[in-house]
Amino acid sequence: MPRNQFQKMIFALITVVITVHAYVFYSLYVINGGMFMEMTGETGVIAAINKLGGVYVFGSPVPIWAVVLIEFVCAYTLEVLLGSPLSFRLASKVFDPQSTHPVLFETAIICATVGIMCPSMSFIAAFLYYDYQAGFNMWTLLANWLRLVCYNFPFAFFSQLFFIQPFVRTVFKLIFAGKNRTAPCQEQ
């Protein structure tokens, strides 16, 4: 997989572009869609969000494209600075990257990344989407964070392990075809 810093950045970019869109869809449609439609009386989630003026971020409504952009910046920064380096180190503590079958080692990296990124991004989301108009309470923020982790972790684990990462790795191999064939697995 990624062999140098440029490839690591491209791998993270592809991953985050797909993941952010999946999570915004999951959050707005699956988790909160019914609530939005009930609040507004609309029959569609997009119509309900538009009727509300957008999605509330820091207590102000913003359009969905802004939510995607905000989450992309947060997720990409977190993935590059924390997620990828730590997940490789965690996987390397359990498995030797040189002697472990690549599928097993990549699965360990994916699991470690989900274990790092899901609670981190859920905390950022709890902070961004907190109902500031009702006042701020640290216990409510922590309860919202725990609720988001409980909602997001199963989706993150299964979508990353079975759909997103296999797709990203396939796209990455197509982009960098021939450049990674003989080199041993190195830090991601």
Protein backbone atom coordinates (compact mmCIF):
# COMPACT_ATOMS: atom_id res chain seq x y z
CA MET A 1 0.00 0.00 0.00
CA PRO A 2 1.30 3.56 0.56
CA ARG A 3 5.11 3.68 0.42
CA ASN A 4 5.91 7.36 0.80
CA GLN A 5 4.38 10.50 2.30
CA PHE A 6 2.72 11.55 -0.98
CA GLN A 7 1.05 8.15 -1.35
CA LYS A 8 -0.05 8.24 2.29
CA MET A 9 -1.69 11.63 1.72
CA ILE A 10 -3.47 10.37 -1.43
CA PHE A 11 -4.62 7.20 0.35
CA ALA A 12 -5.99 9.29 3.24
CA LEU A 13 -7.65 11.70 0.77
CA ILE A 14 -9.47 8.91 -1.07
CA THR A 15 -10.52 7.30 2.21
CA VAL A 16 -11.80 10.54 3.76
CA VAL A 17 -13.69 11.68 0.65
CA ILE A 18 -15.66 8.43 0.59
CA THR A 19 -16.02 8.12 4.35
CA VAL A 20 -17.25 11.66 5.00
CA HIS A 21 -19.98 11.37 2.38
CA ALA A 22 -21.03 7.99 3.83
CA TYR A 23 -21.16 9.36 7.38
CA VAL A 24 -23.03 12.53 6.48
CA PHE A 25 -25.60 10.40 4.67
CA TYR A 26 -25.76 7.96 7.60
CA SER A 27 -26.08 10.75 10.18
CA LEU A 28 -28.61 12.90 8.33
CA TYR A 29 -30.75 10.19 6.76
CA VAL A 30 -30.49 7.07 8.89
CA ILE A 31 -30.04 8.50 12.39
CA ASN A 32 -31.73 11.91 12.23
CA GLY A 33 -33.88 11.78 9.08
CA GLY A 34 -37.05 10.74 10.86
CA MET A 35 -36.62 13.47 13.46
CA PHE A 36 -36.09 16.14 10.77
CA MET A 37 -39.20 15.04 8.87
CA GLU A 38 -41.26 14.89 12.07
CA MET A 39 -40.13 18.38 13.13
CA THR A 40 -41.03 19.96 9.80
CA GLY A 41 -43.86 17.78 8.53
CA GLU A 42 -41.98 17.19 5.28
CA THR A 43 -41.97 13.79 3.58
CA GLY A 44 -38.30 13.88 2.54
CA VAL A 45 -35.12 14.43 4.52
CA ILE A 46 -33.62 17.00 2.12
CA ALA A 47 -36.86 18.99 2.11
CA ALA A 48 -36.94 18.85 5.92
CA ILE A 49 -33.34 20.04 6.23
CA ASN A 50 -33.98 22.84 3.73
CA LYS A 51 -37.10 23.87 5.65
CA LEU A 52 -35.00 24.04 8.84
CA GLY A 53 -32.54 26.29 7.01
CA GLY A 54 -29.80 23.65 7.04
CA VAL A 55 -27.99 21.57 9.61
CA TYR A 56 -27.10 23.33 12.85
CA VAL A 57 -23.35 23.69 13.37
CA PHE A 58 -22.27 25.70 16.42
CA GLY A 59 -25.91 26.73 16.81
CA SER A 60 -26.28 28.21 13.30
CA PRO A 61 -27.84 26.52 10.27
CA VAL A 62 -25.46 25.66 7.43
CA PRO A 63 -26.18 23.89 4.12
CA ILE A 64 -25.33 20.20 3.72
CA TRP A 65 -22.34 20.95 1.46
CA ALA A 66 -20.83 22.99 4.31
CA VAL A 67 -21.34 20.08 6.71
CA VAL A 68 -19.48 17.82 4.26
CA LEU A 69 -16.67 20.38 3.92
CA ILE A 70 -16.32 20.90 7.69
CA GLU A 71 -16.28 17.18 8.38
CA PHE A 72 -13.84 16.58 5.52
CA VAL A 73 -11.32 19.08 6.91
CA CYS A 74 -11.63 17.64 10.42
CA ALA A 75 -11.46 14.00 9.28
CA TYR A 76 -8.56 14.49 6.86
CA THR A 77 -6.50 16.39 9.42
CA LEU A 78 -7.22 13.80 12.10
CA GLU A 79 -6.54 10.87 9.75
CA VAL A 80 -3.18 12.23 8.56
CA LEU A 81 -1.93 13.40 11.96
CA LEU A 82 -3.37 10.75 14.26
CA GLY A 83 -5.35 7.94 12.63
CA SER A 84 -2.89 6.49 10.11
CA PRO A 85 0.31 6.74 12.15
CA LEU A 86 -1.23 5.39 15.35
CA SER A 87 -3.18 2.60 13.66
CA PHE A 88 -0.01 1.31 12.00
CA ARG A 89 1.84 1.39 15.32
CA LEU A 90 -1.00 -0.40 17.12
CA ALA A 91 -1.21 -3.10 14.44
CA SER A 92 2.58 -3.47 14.52
CA LYS A 93 2.50 -4.13 18.26
CA VAL A 94 0.34 -7.18 17.65
CA PHE A 95 1.61 -8.35 14.23
CA ASP A 96 4.97 -8.16 12.48
CA PRO A 97 4.33 -6.30 9.19
CA GLN A 98 7.07 -8.26 7.40
CA SER A 99 5.93 -11.78 8.33
CA THR A 100 2.15 -11.39 8.74
CA HIS A 101 -0.08 -12.07 5.75
CA PRO A 102 -0.95 -8.67 4.18
CA VAL A 103 -4.72 -9.21 4.44
CA LEU A 104 -4.46 -9.91 8.17
CA PHE A 105 -2.17 -6.95 8.76
CA GLU A 106 -4.38 -4.59 6.70
CA THR A 107 -7.41 -5.81 8.66
CA ALA A 108 -5.60 -5.03 11.92
CA ILE A 109 -4.81 -1.52 10.61
CA ILE A 110 -8.44 -0.97 9.60
CA CYS A 111 -9.70 -2.10 13.02
CA ALA A 112 -7.17 0.12 14.80
CA THR A 113 -8.10 3.09 12.60
CA VAL A 114 -11.79 2.65 13.38
CA GLY A 115 -10.92 2.39 17.07
CA ILE A 116 -9.08 5.71 16.89
CA MET A 117 -11.13 7.68 14.37
CA CYS A 118 -14.67 6.76 15.46
CA PRO A 119 -14.43 8.13 19.03
CA SER A 120 -12.36 11.11 17.84
CA MET A 121 -14.70 12.16 15.04
CA SER A 122 -17.74 11.42 17.20
CA PHE A 123 -16.38 13.85 19.81
CA ILE A 124 -15.82 16.49 17.13
CA ALA A 125 -19.37 15.90 15.85
CA ALA A 126 -20.80 16.11 19.37
CA PHE A 127 -19.04 19.45 19.79
CA LEU A 128 -20.03 20.79 16.33
CA TYR A 129 -23.69 19.75 16.47
CA TYR A 130 -24.32 20.53 20.14
CA ASP A 131 -27.52 22.51 20.81
CA TYR A 132 -25.77 25.68 21.99
CA GLN A 133 -29.03 27.66 22.02
CA ALA A 134 -30.15 25.62 25.04
CA GLY A 135 -26.92 26.46 26.90
CA PHE A 136 -23.77 24.42 27.30
CA ASN A 137 -23.34 21.54 29.75
CA MET A 138 -20.23 19.34 29.75
CA TRP A 139 -22.21 16.28 30.90
CA THR A 140 -24.64 16.70 28.01
CA LEU A 141 -21.72 16.99 25.59
CA LEU A 142 -20.19 13.77 26.98
CA ALA A 143 -23.57 11.98 26.83
CA ASN A 144 -24.01 13.11 23.21
CA TRP A 145 -20.47 11.91 22.43
CA LEU A 146 -21.15 8.48 23.93
CA ARG A 147 -24.45 8.27 22.04
CA LEU A 148 -22.67 9.11 18.77
CA VAL A 149 -19.96 6.51 19.40
CA CYS A 150 -22.65 3.89 20.00
CA TYR A 151 -24.41 4.84 16.74
CA ASN A 152 -21.26 5.29 14.66
CA PHE A 153 -18.99 2.46 15.77
CA PRO A 154 -20.93 -0.46 14.22
CA PHE A 155 -21.41 1.49 10.99
CA ALA A 156 -17.75 2.55 10.95
CA PHE A 157 -16.44 -0.94 11.65
CA PHE A 158 -18.49 -2.80 9.06
CA SER A 159 -18.42 -0.14 6.34
CA GLN A 160 -14.65 0.35 6.62
CA LEU A 161 -13.81 -3.34 6.89
CA PHE A 162 -16.09 -4.67 4.14
CA PHE A 163 -16.79 -1.80 1.75
CA ILE A 164 -14.82 1.42 2.02
CA GLN A 165 -11.27 0.13 2.58
CA PRO A 166 -11.45 -2.65 -0.03
CA PHE A 167 -12.72 -0.07 -2.53
CA VAL A 168 -10.07 2.50 -1.53
CA ARG A 169 -7.30 -0.09 -1.78
CA THR A 170 -8.51 -1.11 -5.24
CA VAL A 171 -8.60 2.51 -6.43
CA PHE A 172 -5.21 3.16 -4.85
CA LYS A 173 -3.70 0.14 -6.63
CA LEU A 174 -5.13 1.35 -9.94
CA ILE A 175 -3.65 4.83 -9.45
CA PHE A 176 -0.24 3.57 -8.42
CA ALA A 177 -0.17 0.40 -10.56
CA GLY A 178 3.27 -1.14 -10.82
CA LYS A 179 4.83 1.13 -8.22
CA ASN A 180 4.06 -1.08 -5.19
CA ARG A 181 4.40 -4.65 -6.46
CA THR A 182 7.67 -5.84 -4.91
CA ALA A 183 8.21 -3.58 -1.92
CA PRO A 184 7.40 -5.07 1.51
CA CYS A 185 4.62 -3.57 3.62
CA GLN A 186 5.81 -0.35 5.24
CA GLU A 187 4.31 2.15 7.65
CA GLN A 188 1.02 3.57 6.48
